[in-house]
Amino acid sequence: MDQRPLVVTVHDPATGETATREVQPGDYTVVACEPCFIYHTAVYPKAGTHVITVKGWKPADDRELARGRL
């Protein structure tokens, strides 16, 4: 298995701001785009799990939801 970090770049076209970060193997990243936001995070170290609650999600297109793609 490749142990190199994943490189994630996010660009905000409204401001022109760009951010690039490395995500190390075994880690993760969450990108929430407004109006979505991370509301709560629960960490369970013994189980090695996290529960991340994202609020504000709305389907971009209700037709996609109806097709079962979201």
Protein backbone atom coordinates (compact mmCIF):
# COMPACT_ATOMS: atom_id res chain seq x y z
CA MET A 1 0.00 0.00 0.00
CA ASP A 2 1.27 3.47 -0.90
CA GLN A 3 2.19 5.46 2.21
CA ARG A 4 2.57 8.86 0.54
CA PRO A 5 0.25 11.63 1.72
CA LEU A 6 -2.75 12.67 -0.35
CA VAL A 7 -2.55 16.30 -1.46
CA VAL A 8 -5.87 18.16 -1.30
CA THR A 9 -6.32 21.60 -2.86
CA VAL A 10 -9.45 23.70 -2.40
CA HIS A 11 -10.09 26.86 -4.43
CA ASP A 12 -12.74 29.48 -3.60
CA PRO A 13 -13.65 31.13 -6.92
CA ALA A 14 -15.46 33.96 -5.11
CA THR A 15 -12.32 35.15 -3.29
CA GLY A 16 -9.58 33.55 -5.38
CA GLU A 17 -8.19 31.96 -2.21
CA THR A 18 -6.54 28.56 -2.58
CA ALA A 19 -5.45 26.22 0.23
CA THR A 20 -3.39 23.05 -0.18
CA ARG A 21 -2.78 20.51 2.58
CA GLU A 22 -1.34 17.03 2.86
CA VAL A 23 -3.52 14.30 4.33
CA GLN A 24 -1.36 11.58 5.83
CA PRO A 25 -2.20 7.87 5.37
CA GLY A 26 -4.75 6.84 7.99
CA ASP A 27 -6.13 10.38 8.34
CA TYR A 28 -9.05 12.10 6.62
CA THR A 29 -10.37 15.49 5.59
CA VAL A 30 -13.88 16.91 5.46
CA VAL A 31 -14.70 19.86 3.21
CA ALA A 32 -18.04 21.49 3.98
CA CYS A 33 -19.21 24.15 1.53
CA GLU A 34 -21.65 26.81 2.75
CA PRO A 35 -24.39 26.55 3.76
CA CYS A 36 -23.09 23.23 5.13
CA PHE A 37 -20.98 23.31 8.26
CA ILE A 38 -19.52 20.84 10.75
CA TYR A 39 -21.86 21.10 13.73
CA HIS A 40 -20.41 18.49 16.07
CA THR A 41 -17.62 15.93 16.23
CA ALA A 42 -17.60 12.95 18.61
CA VAL A 43 -14.36 11.00 19.01
CA TYR A 44 -14.23 7.38 20.18
CA PRO A 45 -10.51 6.54 20.51
CA LYS A 46 -10.98 2.92 21.69
CA ALA A 47 -13.06 2.10 18.63
CA GLY A 48 -10.97 4.32 16.34
CA THR A 49 -14.04 6.13 15.04
CA HIS A 50 -15.34 9.67 14.71
CA VAL A 51 -18.91 10.79 14.19
CA ILE A 52 -19.08 14.08 12.29
CA THR A 53 -22.42 15.89 12.18
CA VAL A 54 -22.84 18.19 9.18
CA LYS A 55 -25.75 20.64 9.17
CA GLY A 56 -27.14 22.85 6.46
CA TRP A 57 -27.08 20.31 3.63
CA LYS A 58 -29.57 20.83 0.83
CA PRO A 59 -29.59 18.85 -2.40
CA ALA A 60 -28.30 20.93 -5.28
CA ASP A 61 -30.96 19.44 -7.51
CA ASP A 62 -34.02 17.60 -6.20
CA ARG A 63 -34.08 15.51 -9.40
CA GLU A 64 -30.74 13.94 -8.39
CA LEU A 65 -32.22 13.04 -5.01
CA ALA A 66 -35.25 11.48 -6.71
CA ARG A 67 -32.94 9.34 -8.88
CA GLY A 68 -31.25 8.01 -5.76
CA ARG A 69 -27.87 9.54 -6.59
CA LEU A 70 -27.60 11.51 -3.36
